[in-house]
N, C-alpha and C. Protein backbone atom coordinates (compact mmCIF):
# COMPACT_ATOMS: atom_id res chain seq x y z
N UNK A 1 39.36 101.45 83.18
CA UNK A 1 37.70 100.97 82.66
C UNK A 1 37.82 102.28 82.23
N UNK A 2 37.43 102.28 80.70
CA UNK A 2 37.12 103.70 80.17
C UNK A 2 35.81 104.36 81.32
N UNK A 3 36.69 106.15 81.08
CA UNK A 3 35.71 106.63 81.75
C UNK A 3 35.09 107.51 80.51
N UNK A 4 33.80 108.06 80.76
CA UNK A 4 33.01 108.97 80.05
C UNK A 4 33.08 110.69 80.62
N UNK A 5 33.29 111.55 80.39
CA UNK A 5 33.01 112.91 80.83
C UNK A 5 31.38 113.76 80.55
N UNK A 6 30.96 113.58 81.35
CA UNK A 6 29.34 114.28 81.39
C UNK A 6 29.48 115.85 81.92
N UNK A 7 29.53 116.88 80.61
CA UNK A 7 28.88 118.14 81.53
C UNK A 7 27.78 118.76 81.58
N UNK A 8 27.80 119.29 82.99
CA UNK A 8 27.14 119.24 84.09
C UNK A 8 26.57 120.93 84.39
N UNK A 9 25.29 121.39 84.90
CA UNK A 9 25.16 122.56 85.79
C UNK A 9 25.00 122.23 87.05
N UNK A 10 25.29 122.83 88.29
CA UNK A 10 24.13 122.44 89.53
C UNK A 10 22.64 123.20 89.29
N UNK A 11 21.60 122.29 89.59
CA UNK A 11 20.10 122.96 89.61
C UNK A 11 20.17 123.81 90.64
N UNK A 12 19.55 124.98 90.63
CA UNK A 12 19.73 125.60 91.60
C UNK A 12 18.35 125.76 92.67
N UNK A 13 17.21 125.05 91.95
CA UNK A 13 15.87 123.91 92.47
C UNK A 13 15.75 122.76 91.94
N UNK A 14 15.17 122.51 93.57
CA UNK A 14 14.96 120.76 92.60
C UNK A 14 13.56 121.27 92.69
N UNK A 15 12.52 119.48 92.53
CA UNK A 15 11.30 119.45 92.48
C UNK A 15 10.54 119.09 91.08
N UNK A 16 9.38 118.65 91.41
CA UNK A 16 8.77 118.26 89.84
C UNK A 16 8.61 119.50 88.73
N UNK A 17 8.21 120.61 89.22
CA UNK A 17 7.70 121.49 87.96
C UNK A 17 9.83 122.06 87.57
N UNK A 18 10.54 122.03 88.76
CA UNK A 18 11.93 122.16 87.79
C UNK A 18 12.44 121.36 86.92
N UNK A 19 12.13 119.90 87.89
CA UNK A 19 12.53 118.96 86.44
C UNK A 19 11.93 118.73 85.14
N UNK A 20 10.71 119.11 85.05
CA UNK A 20 9.74 119.44 83.88
C UNK A 20 10.22 120.39 82.44
N UNK A 21 10.40 121.33 83.42
CA UNK A 21 10.84 122.51 82.87
C UNK A 21 12.80 122.27 82.44
N UNK A 22 12.95 121.49 82.92
CA UNK A 22 14.64 121.30 82.16
C UNK A 22 14.44 119.72 81.51
N UNK A 23 13.62 118.86 81.52
CA UNK A 23 13.29 118.74 80.30
C UNK A 23 12.81 118.97 79.28
N UNK A 24 12.19 120.09 79.53
CA UNK A 24 10.98 120.40 78.02
C UNK A 24 12.77 121.02 77.36
N UNK A 25 13.23 121.53 77.70
CA UNK A 25 14.72 122.58 77.34
C UNK A 25 15.53 121.48 76.95
N UNK A 26 15.51 120.35 76.76
CA UNK A 26 16.80 119.31 77.15
C UNK A 26 17.63 118.85 77.34
N UNK A 27 16.99 119.00 78.90
CA UNK A 27 18.24 118.64 80.16
C UNK A 27 17.80 117.64 80.55
N UNK A 28 18.39 117.19 80.81
CA UNK A 28 17.91 115.72 82.32
C UNK A 28 18.55 115.88 83.68
N UNK A 29 17.59 115.89 84.88
CA UNK A 29 17.91 116.31 85.70
C UNK A 29 18.78 115.18 86.34
N UNK A 30 19.68 115.25 87.54
CA UNK A 30 20.64 114.21 87.72
C UNK A 30 20.43 114.48 89.24
N UNK A 31 21.29 113.64 89.88
CA UNK A 31 21.63 113.93 91.54
C UNK A 31 22.71 112.91 91.37
N UNK A 32 24.01 112.83 92.20
CA UNK A 32 24.72 112.56 92.97
C UNK A 32 25.17 112.73 93.83
N UNK A 33 25.31 110.92 94.78
CA UNK A 33 25.50 110.46 95.91
C UNK A 33 26.37 110.16 96.35
N UNK A 34 26.49 109.80 97.38
CA UNK A 34 28.26 109.01 98.20
C UNK A 34 28.90 110.18 98.66
N UNK A 35 28.64 111.72 98.56
CA UNK A 35 30.01 112.40 99.07
C UNK A 35 28.98 112.59 100.65
N UNK A 36 29.51 114.37 100.62
CA UNK A 36 28.98 114.55 101.95
C UNK A 36 27.68 114.74 102.05
N UNK A 37 27.19 115.32 100.48
CA UNK A 37 25.90 115.29 100.65
C UNK A 37 25.34 114.73 99.51
N UNK A 38 23.79 114.90 98.71
CA UNK A 38 23.80 114.63 97.49
C UNK A 38 23.33 116.52 96.32
N UNK A 39 24.62 115.96 95.23
CA UNK A 39 24.27 117.23 94.57
C UNK A 39 23.69 117.09 93.13
N UNK A 40 22.81 118.00 92.97
CA UNK A 40 21.81 118.19 92.06
C UNK A 40 22.28 119.11 90.70
N UNK A 41 22.46 118.28 89.71
CA UNK A 41 22.72 118.94 89.06
C UNK A 41 22.09 118.21 87.17
N UNK A 42 21.70 118.94 86.58
CA UNK A 42 21.48 118.37 85.04
C UNK A 42 22.60 118.83 83.65
N UNK A 43 21.91 117.98 82.79
CA UNK A 43 23.61 117.75 81.82
C UNK A 43 22.39 117.87 80.29
N UNK A 44 23.13 118.14 79.63
CA UNK A 44 22.46 117.59 78.19
C UNK A 44 21.67 116.33 78.21
N UNK A 45 20.44 115.92 77.00
CA UNK A 45 19.99 114.37 76.62
C UNK A 45 20.83 114.11 76.37
N UNK A 46 22.09 114.68 75.07
CA UNK A 46 22.35 113.74 74.23
C UNK A 46 24.23 113.51 74.82
N UNK A 47 24.08 113.96 76.21
CA UNK A 47 25.43 114.26 76.78
C UNK A 47 25.77 112.56 77.16
N UNK A 48 23.95 111.36 77.42
CA UNK A 48 24.25 110.31 78.05
C UNK A 48 23.89 108.65 76.73
N UNK A 49 23.92 109.09 75.54
CA UNK A 49 24.13 108.39 74.74
C UNK A 49 24.59 107.48 74.79
N UNK A 50 26.12 107.63 75.07
CA UNK A 50 27.24 106.82 74.86
C UNK A 50 27.42 106.15 76.34
N UNK A 51 26.49 106.76 76.74
CA UNK A 51 26.88 106.12 78.80
C UNK A 51 25.40 105.07 78.70
N UNK A 52 24.40 105.49 78.15
CA UNK A 52 22.86 104.67 78.28
C UNK A 52 22.65 103.39 77.49
N UNK A 53 22.70 103.82 76.15
CA UNK A 53 22.09 103.16 74.94
C UNK A 53 23.51 102.61 74.82
N UNK A 54 24.10 101.53 75.52
CA UNK A 54 24.86 100.55 75.02
C UNK A 54 25.60 99.36 76.45
N UNK A 55 26.15 98.39 75.59
CA UNK A 55 26.13 97.43 76.57
C UNK A 55 27.58 97.49 77.54
N UNK A 56 28.23 98.27 76.92
CA UNK A 56 29.72 98.34 77.05
C UNK A 56 29.49 99.29 79.24
N UNK A 57 30.50 99.41 79.59
CA UNK A 57 30.41 99.37 81.52
C UNK A 57 31.80 100.67 81.40
N UNK A 58 31.34 101.76 81.94
CA UNK A 58 32.05 103.13 81.78
C UNK A 58 31.32 103.61 83.55
N UNK A 59 32.87 104.09 83.68
CA UNK A 59 32.79 105.41 84.45
C UNK A 59 32.68 106.65 84.61
N UNK A 60 32.11 107.51 85.02
CA UNK A 60 31.94 108.88 84.78
C UNK A 60 32.51 109.36 85.47
N UNK A 61 32.95 110.87 85.18
CA UNK A 61 33.54 112.08 85.28
C UNK A 61 32.16 113.22 84.97
N UNK A 62 32.01 113.51 86.21
CA UNK A 62 30.83 114.56 86.20
C UNK A 62 31.76 115.83 86.39
N UNK A 63 31.24 116.75 85.19
CA UNK A 63 32.44 117.78 85.22
C UNK A 63 30.86 119.12 85.20
N UNK A 64 31.06 120.14 86.55
CA UNK A 64 30.35 121.01 86.67
C UNK A 64 30.95 122.27 86.45
N UNK A 65 29.72 123.33 85.79
CA UNK A 65 30.35 124.53 85.52
C UNK A 65 31.41 125.37 86.52
N UNK A 66 31.39 125.39 87.77
CA UNK A 66 31.76 125.79 88.93
C UNK A 66 33.43 125.76 89.01
N UNK A 67 33.64 124.77 87.82
CA UNK A 67 35.05 123.56 88.17
C UNK A 67 35.48 122.63 89.06
N UNK A 68 33.97 122.23 89.35
CA UNK A 68 34.32 120.83 90.05
C UNK A 68 34.31 119.91 89.21
N UNK A 69 34.92 118.32 89.76
CA UNK A 69 33.95 117.25 89.04
C UNK A 69 34.72 116.42 90.22
N UNK A 70 33.94 115.18 89.56
CA UNK A 70 33.65 114.47 90.52
C UNK A 70 33.43 113.04 90.01
N UNK A 71 34.26 111.85 90.50
CA UNK A 71 34.17 110.69 89.42
C UNK A 71 33.42 109.86 90.31
N UNK A 72 32.38 109.10 89.36
CA UNK A 72 31.40 108.71 89.55
C UNK A 72 30.81 107.21 89.09
N UNK A 73 29.80 106.31 89.01
CA UNK A 73 29.64 105.46 88.59
C UNK A 73 27.48 105.85 88.10
N UNK A 74 27.19 105.25 87.22
CA UNK A 74 25.15 105.06 87.07
C UNK A 74 25.30 104.85 87.93
N UNK A 75 23.70 105.04 89.02
CA UNK A 75 23.41 103.93 89.66
C UNK A 75 21.91 103.86 88.95
N UNK A 76 21.78 104.22 89.25
CA UNK A 76 19.72 104.15 88.66
C UNK A 76 19.26 105.23 87.17
N UNK A 77 18.87 104.72 86.62
CA UNK A 77 18.13 105.30 85.87
C UNK A 77 16.58 105.33 85.64
N UNK A 78 15.75 106.12 85.28
CA UNK A 78 14.47 106.15 84.79
C UNK A 78 14.17 106.83 83.63
N UNK A 79 12.86 105.81 82.62
CA UNK A 79 12.72 106.02 81.57
C UNK A 79 10.94 106.32 81.82
N UNK A 80 10.29 106.81 80.87
CA UNK A 80 9.31 107.39 80.67
C UNK A 80 8.58 106.05 79.75
N UNK A 81 7.14 105.16 80.70
CA UNK A 81 7.06 104.43 80.11
C UNK A 81 6.19 104.58 79.06
N UNK A 82 5.96 105.70 78.22
CA UNK A 82 5.56 105.58 77.39
C UNK A 82 6.52 105.67 76.14
N UNK A 83 7.53 106.69 76.15
CA UNK A 83 8.43 107.36 74.96
C UNK A 83 9.98 106.88 75.37
N UNK A 84 9.96 105.98 76.58
CA UNK A 84 11.39 105.99 76.66
C UNK A 84 12.15 106.84 77.18
N UNK A 85 11.99 107.77 76.79
CA UNK A 85 12.87 109.22 76.79
C UNK A 85 13.24 108.82 78.96
N UNK A 86 14.83 109.62 79.34
CA UNK A 86 15.49 110.01 80.13
C UNK A 86 14.64 110.36 80.74
N UNK A 87 14.22 110.28 82.43
CA UNK A 87 13.57 111.15 82.83
C UNK A 87 14.56 111.81 84.35
N UNK A 88 15.56 110.88 84.36
CA UNK A 88 15.89 111.01 85.31
C UNK A 88 17.20 110.58 85.58
N UNK A 89 18.48 110.88 85.97
CA UNK A 89 19.57 109.70 86.51
C UNK A 89 20.31 110.15 87.78
N UNK A 90 20.45 108.92 88.37
CA UNK A 90 20.70 108.66 89.75
C UNK A 90 22.52 108.31 89.94
N UNK A 91 23.97 108.98 90.08
CA UNK A 91 25.00 108.26 89.68
C UNK A 91 25.78 108.45 91.46
N UNK A 92 26.55 107.90 91.59
CA UNK A 92 27.11 107.11 93.02
C UNK A 92 28.33 107.31 92.86
N UNK A 93 29.24 108.55 93.60
CA UNK A 93 30.58 109.13 93.78
C UNK A 93 31.68 107.99 94.20
N UNK A 94 32.45 107.88 93.22
CA UNK A 94 34.08 107.07 93.73
C UNK A 94 35.24 107.35 94.49
N UNK A 95 35.48 106.72 95.83
CA UNK A 95 36.36 107.11 96.26
C UNK A 95 37.40 105.76 95.88
N UNK A 96 38.98 106.51 95.58
CA UNK A 96 40.05 105.55 95.45
C UNK A 96 40.23 104.32 96.56
N UNK A 97 39.65 104.68 97.81
CA UNK A 97 40.35 103.85 99.18
C UNK A 97 38.59 102.41 98.98
N UNK A 98 37.30 103.01 98.27
CA UNK A 98 36.11 102.35 98.61
C UNK A 98 35.59 101.59 97.33
N UNK A 99 35.47 100.39 98.02
CA UNK A 99 35.51 99.29 97.09
C UNK A 99 33.52 99.33 96.49
N UNK A 100 33.20 99.27 94.83
CA UNK A 100 31.87 99.42 94.61
C UNK A 100 31.17 98.46 94.11
N UNK A 101 30.02 98.51 93.50
CA UNK A 101 29.21 97.44 93.37
C UNK A 101 29.16 97.12 91.65
N UNK A 102 28.85 97.14 90.84
CA UNK A 102 28.41 97.47 89.60
C UNK A 102 28.45 96.13 88.21
N UNK A 103 27.44 96.16 87.82
CA UNK A 103 27.62 95.24 86.71
C UNK A 103 28.52 95.90 85.34
N UNK A 104 28.96 94.50 84.54
CA UNK A 104 29.84 94.67 84.17
C UNK A 104 30.22 93.17 82.80
N UNK A 105 29.82 93.61 81.35
CA UNK A 105 29.40 92.57 80.84
C UNK A 105 29.93 91.47 80.64
N UNK A 106 29.73 90.62 80.10
CA UNK A 106 30.86 89.23 79.37
C UNK A 106 30.89 89.73 78.10
N UNK A 107 32.36 89.08 77.80
CA UNK A 107 32.35 88.53 76.78
C UNK A 107 33.14 86.98 76.20
N UNK A 108 32.20 86.45 75.34
CA UNK A 108 32.91 85.15 75.62
C UNK A 108 33.78 85.43 73.84
N UNK A 109 34.69 84.48 73.68
CA UNK A 109 35.59 84.36 73.13
C UNK A 109 36.56 83.20 72.34
N UNK A 110 36.26 82.87 71.51
CA UNK A 110 36.62 80.82 70.80
C UNK A 110 35.63 80.34 70.22
N UNK A 111 35.38 79.19 69.84
CA UNK A 111 34.37 78.55 69.08
C UNK A 111 34.36 77.34 70.05
N UNK A 112 33.31 76.89 70.43
CA UNK A 112 32.98 75.97 71.24
C UNK A 112 33.00 74.50 70.80
N UNK A 113 33.45 73.29 71.26
CA UNK A 113 33.33 72.29 70.49
C UNK A 113 31.84 71.96 69.98
N UNK A 114 31.14 71.76 71.10
CA UNK A 114 30.11 71.44 71.65
C UNK A 114 29.37 71.81 70.30
N UNK A 115 29.39 73.44 69.99
CA UNK A 115 28.75 74.08 68.67
C UNK A 115 28.62 73.67 67.01
N UNK A 116 30.30 72.82 67.62
CA UNK A 116 30.43 72.63 65.93
C UNK A 116 29.95 71.54 65.86
N UNK A 117 29.89 70.83 67.13
CA UNK A 117 29.10 69.00 66.88
C UNK A 117 27.43 69.34 66.98
N UNK A 118 27.11 70.76 66.14
CA UNK A 118 25.43 70.47 66.86
C UNK A 118 24.88 71.52 67.78
N UNK A 119 25.64 71.72 69.19
CA UNK A 119 24.94 72.43 69.78
C UNK A 119 24.53 74.05 69.48
N UNK A 120 23.91 74.48 71.16
CA UNK A 120 23.64 75.48 70.84
C UNK A 120 24.30 76.05 72.24
N UNK A 121 24.89 77.48 71.76
CA UNK A 121 25.55 77.89 72.91
C UNK A 121 24.48 78.78 73.53
N UNK A 122 24.23 78.66 74.52
CA UNK A 122 23.14 79.48 75.95
C UNK A 122 24.11 80.64 76.35
N UNK A 123 23.58 81.68 76.67
CA UNK A 123 24.85 82.68 77.26
C UNK A 123 23.60 82.45 78.87
N UNK A 124 23.19 82.50 79.79
CA UNK A 124 22.33 82.47 80.73
C UNK A 124 22.75 84.14 81.60
N UNK A 125 24.11 84.92 81.37
CA UNK A 125 24.08 86.10 81.72
C UNK A 125 25.25 86.46 81.05
N UNK A 126 24.57 87.77 81.06
CA UNK A 126 25.57 88.98 79.59
C UNK A 126 25.64 90.03 80.51
N UNK A 127 25.79 89.84 81.77
CA UNK A 127 26.53 91.27 82.58
C UNK A 127 26.80 90.14 84.35
N UNK A 128 27.75 90.28 84.56
CA UNK A 128 27.93 90.15 86.09
C UNK A 128 28.09 90.92 87.08
N UNK A 129 27.69 91.06 88.13
CA UNK A 129 27.73 91.95 89.04
C UNK A 129 29.03 91.79 89.65
N UNK A 130 29.81 92.70 90.05
CA UNK A 130 30.52 92.28 91.12
C UNK A 130 31.30 93.65 92.11
N UNK A 131 32.78 93.59 92.87
CA UNK A 131 32.67 94.64 93.94
C UNK A 131 34.14 94.65 93.99
N UNK A 132 34.84 95.39 93.72
CA UNK A 132 36.20 96.11 93.37
C UNK A 132 36.75 97.52 93.90
N UNK A 133 37.22 97.86 93.67
CA UNK A 133 38.16 99.29 93.99
C UNK A 133 37.96 99.60 92.35
N UNK A 134 38.00 100.92 92.52
CA UNK A 134 37.86 101.65 91.24
C UNK A 134 38.91 101.57 90.63
N UNK A 135 39.61 101.51 90.41
CA UNK A 135 40.84 101.20 89.92
C UNK A 135 41.44 99.36 89.60
N UNK A 136 40.80 98.84 90.29
CA UNK A 136 40.60 97.36 89.76
C UNK A 136 38.88 97.02 88.53
N UNK A 137 38.07 97.74 88.22
CA UNK A 137 37.16 97.53 88.07
C UNK A 137 37.53 97.52 86.38
N UNK A 138 36.93 96.42 85.34
CA UNK A 138 37.30 95.92 84.48
C UNK A 138 36.19 96.48 82.99
N UNK A 139 36.63 96.44 82.23
CA UNK A 139 36.07 96.85 81.03
C UNK A 139 34.38 95.79 80.60
N UNK A 140 35.00 94.58 80.61
CA UNK A 140 34.39 93.14 81.09
C UNK A 140 34.79 92.34 81.17
N UNK A 141 34.82 90.79 81.17
CA UNK A 141 34.71 89.61 82.00
C UNK A 141 34.64 88.87 81.06
N UNK A 142 36.18 88.27 80.37
CA UNK A 142 36.01 87.07 79.30
C UNK A 142 36.37 86.16 79.55
N UNK A 143 35.52 85.26 78.47
CA UNK A 143 35.51 83.56 79.69
C UNK A 143 35.54 82.71 77.76
N UNK A 144 36.45 81.88 77.92
CA UNK A 144 36.83 80.88 76.71
C UNK A 144 36.46 80.00 76.96
N UNK A 145 35.61 79.90 75.50
CA UNK A 145 34.52 78.59 75.43
C UNK A 145 34.96 77.74 74.58
N UNK A 146 36.64 77.63 74.09
CA UNK A 146 37.07 76.86 73.03
C UNK A 146 36.89 75.35 73.51
N UNK A 147 36.46 75.26 74.59
CA UNK A 147 36.97 73.63 75.05
C UNK A 147 36.21 72.90 76.32
N UNK A 148 34.36 73.65 75.37
CA UNK A 148 32.87 73.49 75.91
C UNK A 148 32.57 72.68 75.16
N UNK A 149 31.62 71.38 75.55
CA UNK A 149 31.16 70.06 74.76
C UNK A 149 29.66 70.31 74.55
N UNK A 150 28.86 69.54 74.38
CA UNK A 150 27.53 69.76 74.66
C UNK A 150 27.80 68.95 76.01
N UNK A 151 26.72 70.09 76.60
CA UNK A 151 26.47 69.86 78.67
C UNK A 151 27.35 70.68 78.96
N UNK A 152 28.53 70.78 78.74
CA UNK A 152 28.92 71.74 79.42
C UNK A 152 28.53 72.59 80.05
N UNK A 153 29.40 73.02 80.83
CA UNK A 153 28.98 74.82 81.72
C UNK A 153 29.88 75.13 82.10
N UNK A 154 30.37 76.74 81.96
CA UNK A 154 31.40 77.56 82.84
C UNK A 154 30.26 77.82 84.02
N UNK A 155 30.53 77.37 85.43
CA UNK A 155 30.14 78.26 86.92
C UNK A 155 30.93 79.37 87.44
N UNK A 156 30.28 80.55 87.93
CA UNK A 156 30.77 81.09 88.27
C UNK A 156 32.06 81.41 88.88
N UNK A 157 32.25 80.46 89.80
CA UNK A 157 33.63 79.98 90.95
C UNK A 157 34.63 79.86 89.83
N UNK A 158 34.52 79.49 88.09
CA UNK A 158 35.73 79.30 87.74
C UNK A 158 36.14 80.61 86.98
N UNK A 159 35.51 82.29 87.61
CA UNK A 159 35.87 83.13 86.80
C UNK A 159 36.63 83.57 87.61
N UNK A 160 37.07 83.11 88.60
CA UNK A 160 37.90 84.11 90.32
C UNK A 160 38.48 84.69 89.65
N UNK A 161 38.97 86.12 90.67
CA UNK A 161 39.76 87.07 90.10
C UNK A 161 40.16 87.70 91.55
N UNK A 162 41.63 88.25 91.62
CA UNK A 162 42.58 88.55 93.17
C UNK A 162 41.99 89.91 92.80
N UNK A 163 41.41 90.76 91.95
CA UNK A 163 41.18 91.95 91.81
C UNK A 163 39.75 92.37 92.19
N UNK A 164 39.22 91.86 92.26
CA UNK A 164 36.90 91.89 92.43
C UNK A 164 36.50 90.40 92.51
N UNK A 165 35.51 90.42 93.60
CA UNK A 165 34.82 89.56 93.59
C UNK A 165 33.53 89.40 93.16
N UNK A 166 33.14 88.20 92.75
CA UNK A 166 31.59 88.48 92.09
C UNK A 166 30.16 88.44 93.56
N UNK A 167 29.41 89.09 93.15
CA UNK A 167 28.30 89.25 93.86
C UNK A 167 26.88 88.42 93.16
N UNK A 168 27.44 86.85 93.30
CA UNK A 168 26.36 85.77 92.57
C UNK A 168 26.43 84.51 93.52
N UNK A 169 26.06 83.64 94.10
CA UNK A 169 25.69 82.32 94.65
C UNK A 169 26.90 81.18 93.36
N UNK A 170 27.53 80.80 94.04
CA UNK A 170 28.96 80.05 93.94
C UNK A 170 28.23 79.11 91.93
N UNK A 171 26.67 78.39 92.51
CA UNK A 171 26.39 77.71 92.11
C UNK A 171 25.75 78.09 90.45
N UNK A 172 25.75 79.47 90.21
CA UNK A 172 25.55 80.60 88.78
C UNK A 172 26.33 80.04 87.96
N UNK A 173 25.44 79.73 86.51
CA UNK A 173 25.89 79.37 85.45
C UNK A 173 26.07 80.25 84.08
N UNK A 174 27.39 80.75 84.19
CA UNK A 174 27.30 81.77 83.03
C UNK A 174 26.37 81.10 82.08
N UNK A 175 27.70 80.23 81.36
CA UNK A 175 27.20 80.47 79.61
C UNK A 175 27.18 78.65 79.79
N UNK A 176 26.77 77.95 79.08
CA UNK A 176 26.82 76.43 78.66
C UNK A 176 26.43 76.19 76.89
N UNK A 177 26.96 74.82 76.79
CA UNK A 177 26.23 74.52 74.83
C UNK A 177 25.43 73.15 75.07
N UNK A 178 24.12 73.51 74.89
CA UNK A 178 23.09 72.89 75.02
C UNK A 178 22.69 72.34 73.65
N UNK A 179 22.41 70.56 74.17
CA UNK A 179 22.37 69.81 72.59
C UNK A 179 20.70 70.45 72.14
N UNK A 180 20.87 70.71 70.72
CA UNK A 180 20.20 71.38 69.53
C UNK A 180 18.63 70.42 69.74
N UNK A 181 17.36 71.05 69.88
CA UNK A 181 16.09 71.02 70.06
C UNK A 181 16.06 69.96 68.80
N UNK A 182 16.84 70.41 68.13
CA UNK A 182 16.52 69.53 66.55
C UNK A 182 16.44 67.93 66.44
N UNK A 183 17.90 67.93 67.24
CA UNK A 183 18.90 66.54 67.58
C UNK A 183 17.75 65.78 68.47
N UNK A 184 17.39 66.60 69.75
CA UNK A 184 16.65 66.01 70.32
C UNK A 184 15.06 65.15 69.67
N UNK A 185 14.43 65.93 68.94
CA UNK A 185 13.58 65.66 68.41
C UNK A 185 13.62 63.94 67.40
N UNK A 186 14.72 64.23 66.58
CA UNK A 186 15.47 63.36 65.65
C UNK A 186 15.08 62.05 66.52
N UNK A 187 15.59 61.83 67.78
CA UNK A 187 16.45 60.84 68.49
C UNK A 187 15.54 60.22 68.97
N UNK A 188 14.50 60.83 69.55
CA UNK A 188 12.74 60.89 69.97
C UNK A 188 12.31 60.16 68.81
N UNK A 189 12.34 60.13 67.60
CA UNK A 189 11.54 59.79 66.35
C UNK A 189 12.06 58.07 66.23
N UNK A 190 13.33 58.40 66.31
CA UNK A 190 13.95 56.99 66.42
C UNK A 190 14.01 56.49 67.07
N UNK A 191 14.05 56.20 68.41
CA UNK A 191 13.30 56.02 69.59
C UNK A 191 12.03 55.12 69.53
N UNK A 192 10.79 55.94 69.14
CA UNK A 192 9.93 55.48 68.60
C UNK A 192 9.60 54.46 67.68
N UNK A 193 10.65 54.94 66.17
CA UNK A 193 10.37 53.99 65.19
C UNK A 193 10.95 52.66 65.98
N UNK A 194 11.91 52.78 66.41
CA UNK A 194 12.46 51.02 66.85
C UNK A 194 11.56 50.57 67.70
N UNK A 195 11.07 51.25 69.10
CA UNK A 195 9.78 50.69 69.49
C UNK A 195 8.73 49.71 68.72
N UNK A 196 8.19 50.82 67.29
CA UNK A 196 7.06 50.16 66.66
C UNK A 196 7.62 49.20 65.78
N UNK A 197 9.03 48.75 65.50
CA UNK A 197 9.03 47.80 64.28
C UNK A 197 9.43 46.87 65.44
N UNK A 198 9.78 46.80 66.78
CA UNK A 198 10.41 45.57 67.44
C UNK A 198 8.20 44.92 68.30
N UNK A 199 7.50 46.51 68.49
CA UNK A 199 5.97 45.96 68.30
C UNK A 199 5.36 45.27 67.43
N UNK A 200 5.87 45.41 66.00
CA UNK A 200 5.24 44.90 64.84
C UNK A 200 5.84 43.40 65.30
N UNK A 201 6.48 43.36 64.89
CA UNK A 201 7.37 42.20 64.71
C UNK A 201 7.09 41.25 66.19
N UNK A 202 6.69 41.50 67.42
CA UNK A 202 6.03 40.67 68.21
C UNK A 202 5.07 40.11 68.32
N UNK A 203 3.66 41.00 67.86
CA UNK A 203 2.42 40.64 66.99
C UNK A 203 2.65 40.19 65.85
N UNK A 204 3.91 39.93 64.69
CA UNK A 204 3.62 39.00 63.94
C UNK A 204 3.90 37.64 64.23
N UNK A 205 4.85 37.47 65.18
CA UNK A 205 5.34 36.50 65.68
C UNK A 205 4.05 35.54 66.90
N UNK A 206 3.35 35.99 67.10
CA UNK A 206 2.08 36.38 67.78
C UNK A 206 1.26 35.67 67.34
N UNK A 207 1.00 36.27 65.88
CA UNK A 207 -0.30 35.78 65.36
C UNK A 207 0.64 34.79 64.45
N UNK A 208 1.68 34.51 63.52
CA UNK A 208 1.72 32.88 63.62
C UNK A 208 1.91 31.70 64.27
N UNK A 209 2.15 32.20 65.62
CA UNK A 209 1.68 31.39 66.78
C UNK A 209 0.57 30.65 66.93
N UNK A 210 -0.49 31.34 66.94
CA UNK A 210 -1.88 31.36 66.77
C UNK A 210 -2.57 30.41 66.13
N UNK A 211 -1.96 30.81 64.65
CA UNK A 211 -2.45 30.05 63.38
C UNK A 211 -1.67 28.49 63.48
N UNK A 212 -0.46 28.33 63.59
CA UNK A 212 0.43 27.01 64.00
C UNK A 212 -0.63 26.40 64.76
N UNK A 213 -1.49 26.91 65.68
CA UNK A 213 -1.92 26.17 67.33
C UNK A 213 -3.48 25.85 66.32
N UNK A 214 -4.04 26.90 65.62
CA UNK A 214 -5.61 26.34 65.08
C UNK A 214 -5.01 25.14 64.23
N UNK A 215 -4.06 25.23 63.34
CA UNK A 215 -3.83 24.07 62.39
C UNK A 215 -4.06 22.96 62.91
N UNK A 216 -3.17 22.98 63.74
CA UNK A 216 -2.55 21.89 64.92
C UNK A 216 -4.00 21.03 65.37
N UNK A 217 -4.76 21.70 65.87
CA UNK A 217 -6.16 21.69 66.47
C UNK A 217 -7.03 21.05 65.55
N UNK A 218 -7.05 21.59 64.30
CA UNK A 218 -7.39 21.22 62.98
C UNK A 218 -7.08 19.84 62.25
N UNK A 219 -6.39 19.29 62.49
CA UNK A 219 -5.62 18.22 61.65
C UNK A 219 -5.57 17.31 63.00
N UNK A 220 -6.45 16.97 64.07
CA UNK A 220 -5.79 15.86 64.72
C UNK A 220 -7.20 15.02 64.46
N UNK A 221 -6.80 13.95 64.69
CA UNK A 221 -7.36 12.51 64.32
C UNK A 221 -8.33 12.12 65.67
N UNK A 222 -10.07 12.02 64.81
CA UNK A 222 -11.32 12.16 65.41
C UNK A 222 -11.06 10.65 66.49
N UNK A 223 -11.70 10.57 67.35
CA UNK A 223 -11.52 9.84 68.75
C UNK A 223 -12.42 8.85 67.88
N UNK A 224 -12.34 7.21 67.82
CA UNK A 224 -13.73 6.25 67.73
C UNK A 224 -14.07 5.88 68.58
């Protein structure tokens, strides 16, 4: 998996007032968990643009000013409820012999048969959560949809890999090709039209039968 380096500095003090002062200075307060103890540090806000505002997944190298560096993944991020500016970020340290859970983006390739026939591709999951050793974390999970017809689905059990395990139920649908709504409306209208025509024919036959009966009753000879 591709990695991004975040250059930061350890924080001498923690708390609301110090965190606010860091944000006012264009710095983001962060915490690195998973090691012997939490490591508090800060880094420039611009350093997180490629990590946060992207659909791709990355590991992180946290490089601190005292020549210490740590491999990690983004664990949690807090945004301001109004401005959407980053308030705080938590990282989790990686170890070569410990598995880590991470959300990996899904990439679809190919042109589905069902889409060519007028269906719509529905992507139920754009990211999948997996568990793997850091060296086995993929950049993305690729799905070939070329053979999908209308009504076909791709279940998570079809994406099994020896390098990682999925943290989803076996019946999870990743993507599917559904019949277009416009096609369903047309079919419904056609069926209603056929039923209406049959009803008219039945009504006409009934009226014709009634007229014949009335005519037959009127022509009958009077009794002497």
